[in-house]
Amino acid sequence: MKGIAVKIISALAALSALALVGCASAEVAEEHAQDVAASQCADQGKEFVQTGGVAGSNGVEAAATARGHCVGPGDPDYVPPPPPPPPGS
């Protein structure tokens, strides 16, 4: 990719969250997997871009995976944060 090294992470997070009946949520497990992946990228000074994943729950156990890669300035998938608002606004 034009000399830009992008570390592809095939499986950044494969987590399962156990909960009591009625409390297990695939959505919560998916958010947790994304948070873990984002944290791993942040440790490298980059941001997580999710390219796939799976989430599911049977009511007792919830599990999710988040697949993607870490990007930083100069990487094609990088989206810079919005500029701060002007002073006095």
Protein backbone atom coordinates (compact mmCIF):
# COMPACT_ATOMS: atom_id res chain seq x y z
CA MET A 1 0.00 0.00 0.00
CA LYS A 2 2.37 2.66 -1.29
CA GLY A 3 4.98 1.97 1.36
CA ILE A 4 2.58 2.52 4.23
CA ALA A 5 2.69 -0.33 6.67
CA VAL A 6 -0.70 -1.16 8.10
CA LYS A 7 -0.69 -3.90 10.67
CA ILE A 8 -3.59 -6.15 9.90
CA ILE A 9 -4.98 -7.85 12.93
CA SER A 10 -7.00 -10.86 11.98
CA ALA A 11 -8.60 -11.30 15.35
CA LEU A 12 -8.13 -8.40 17.70
CA ALA A 13 -10.61 -9.62 20.18
CA ALA A 14 -12.47 -12.85 20.71
CA LEU A 15 -14.26 -12.46 23.98
CA SER A 16 -17.10 -14.06 25.81
CA ALA A 17 -19.09 -12.41 28.52
CA LEU A 18 -20.99 -14.56 30.99
CA ALA A 19 -24.05 -13.17 32.69
CA LEU A 20 -27.17 -14.27 34.52
CA VAL A 21 -30.17 -15.37 32.51
CA GLY A 22 -31.80 -12.34 30.94
CA CYS A 23 -28.69 -10.20 31.34
CA ALA A 24 -26.46 -11.65 28.62
CA SER A 25 -26.39 -9.28 25.70
CA ALA A 26 -24.69 -9.77 22.35
CA GLU A 27 -24.63 -5.97 22.03
CA VAL A 28 -22.68 -5.57 25.29
CA ALA A 29 -20.25 -8.33 24.27
CA GLU A 30 -19.75 -6.67 20.88
CA GLU A 31 -19.08 -3.28 22.51
CA HIS A 32 -16.57 -4.91 24.84
CA ALA A 33 -14.78 -6.61 21.94
CA GLN A 34 -14.60 -3.28 20.10
CA ASP A 35 -13.29 -1.54 23.23
CA VAL A 36 -10.53 -4.16 23.65
CA ALA A 37 -9.55 -3.83 19.99
CA ALA A 38 -9.55 -0.02 20.22
CA SER A 39 -7.38 -0.20 23.33
CA GLN A 40 -4.84 -2.43 21.56
CA CYS A 41 -4.65 0.06 18.69
CA ALA A 42 -4.39 3.02 21.08
CA ASP A 43 -1.37 1.31 22.67
CA GLN A 44 0.26 1.65 19.24
CA GLY A 45 -0.84 5.29 18.88
CA LYS A 46 -3.43 4.34 16.29
CA GLU A 47 -7.20 3.96 15.90
CA PHE A 48 -9.23 0.78 15.32
CA VAL A 49 -11.14 0.34 12.06
CA GLN A 50 -13.56 -2.57 12.26
CA THR A 51 -13.93 -4.67 9.13
CA GLY A 52 -16.06 -7.48 10.52
CA GLY A 53 -17.16 -9.40 13.53
CA VAL A 54 -19.82 -11.62 14.96
CA ALA A 55 -21.96 -11.33 18.08
CA GLY A 56 -24.47 -13.72 19.57
CA SER A 57 -26.21 -14.69 22.78
CA ASN A 58 -28.18 -17.65 24.05
CA GLY A 59 -29.56 -15.76 27.07
CA VAL A 60 -26.93 -17.12 29.45
CA GLU A 61 -23.72 -16.47 27.56
CA ALA A 62 -22.86 -13.75 25.09
CA ALA A 63 -19.84 -13.77 22.81
CA ALA A 64 -18.46 -11.43 20.19
CA THR A 65 -15.47 -10.99 17.93
CA ALA A 66 -14.21 -7.77 16.41
CA ARG A 67 -11.99 -8.00 13.34
CA GLY A 68 -10.19 -5.09 11.78
CA HIS A 69 -6.93 -3.24 11.73
CA CYS A 70 -5.15 -0.32 13.34
CA VAL A 71 -4.64 2.87 11.36
CA GLY A 72 -2.77 6.08 11.97
CA PRO A 73 -2.08 9.31 10.08
CA GLY A 74 -0.94 8.48 6.56
CA ASP A 75 -2.90 5.22 6.37
CA PRO A 76 -5.62 5.17 3.67
CA ASP A 77 -8.39 4.24 6.16
CA TYR A 78 -7.46 6.93 8.71
CA VAL A 79 -10.12 9.53 9.50
CA PRO A 80 -8.68 12.45 11.47
CA PRO A 81 -10.61 13.74 14.47
CA PRO A 82 -12.73 16.84 13.86
CA PRO A 83 -11.02 20.16 14.57
CA PRO A 84 -11.77 21.79 17.92
CA PRO A 85 -14.44 24.51 17.94
CA PRO A 86 -13.17 28.06 17.56
CA PRO A 87 -12.63 30.00 20.80
CA GLY A 88 -15.72 31.72 22.14
CA SER A 89 -18.21 29.45 20.40
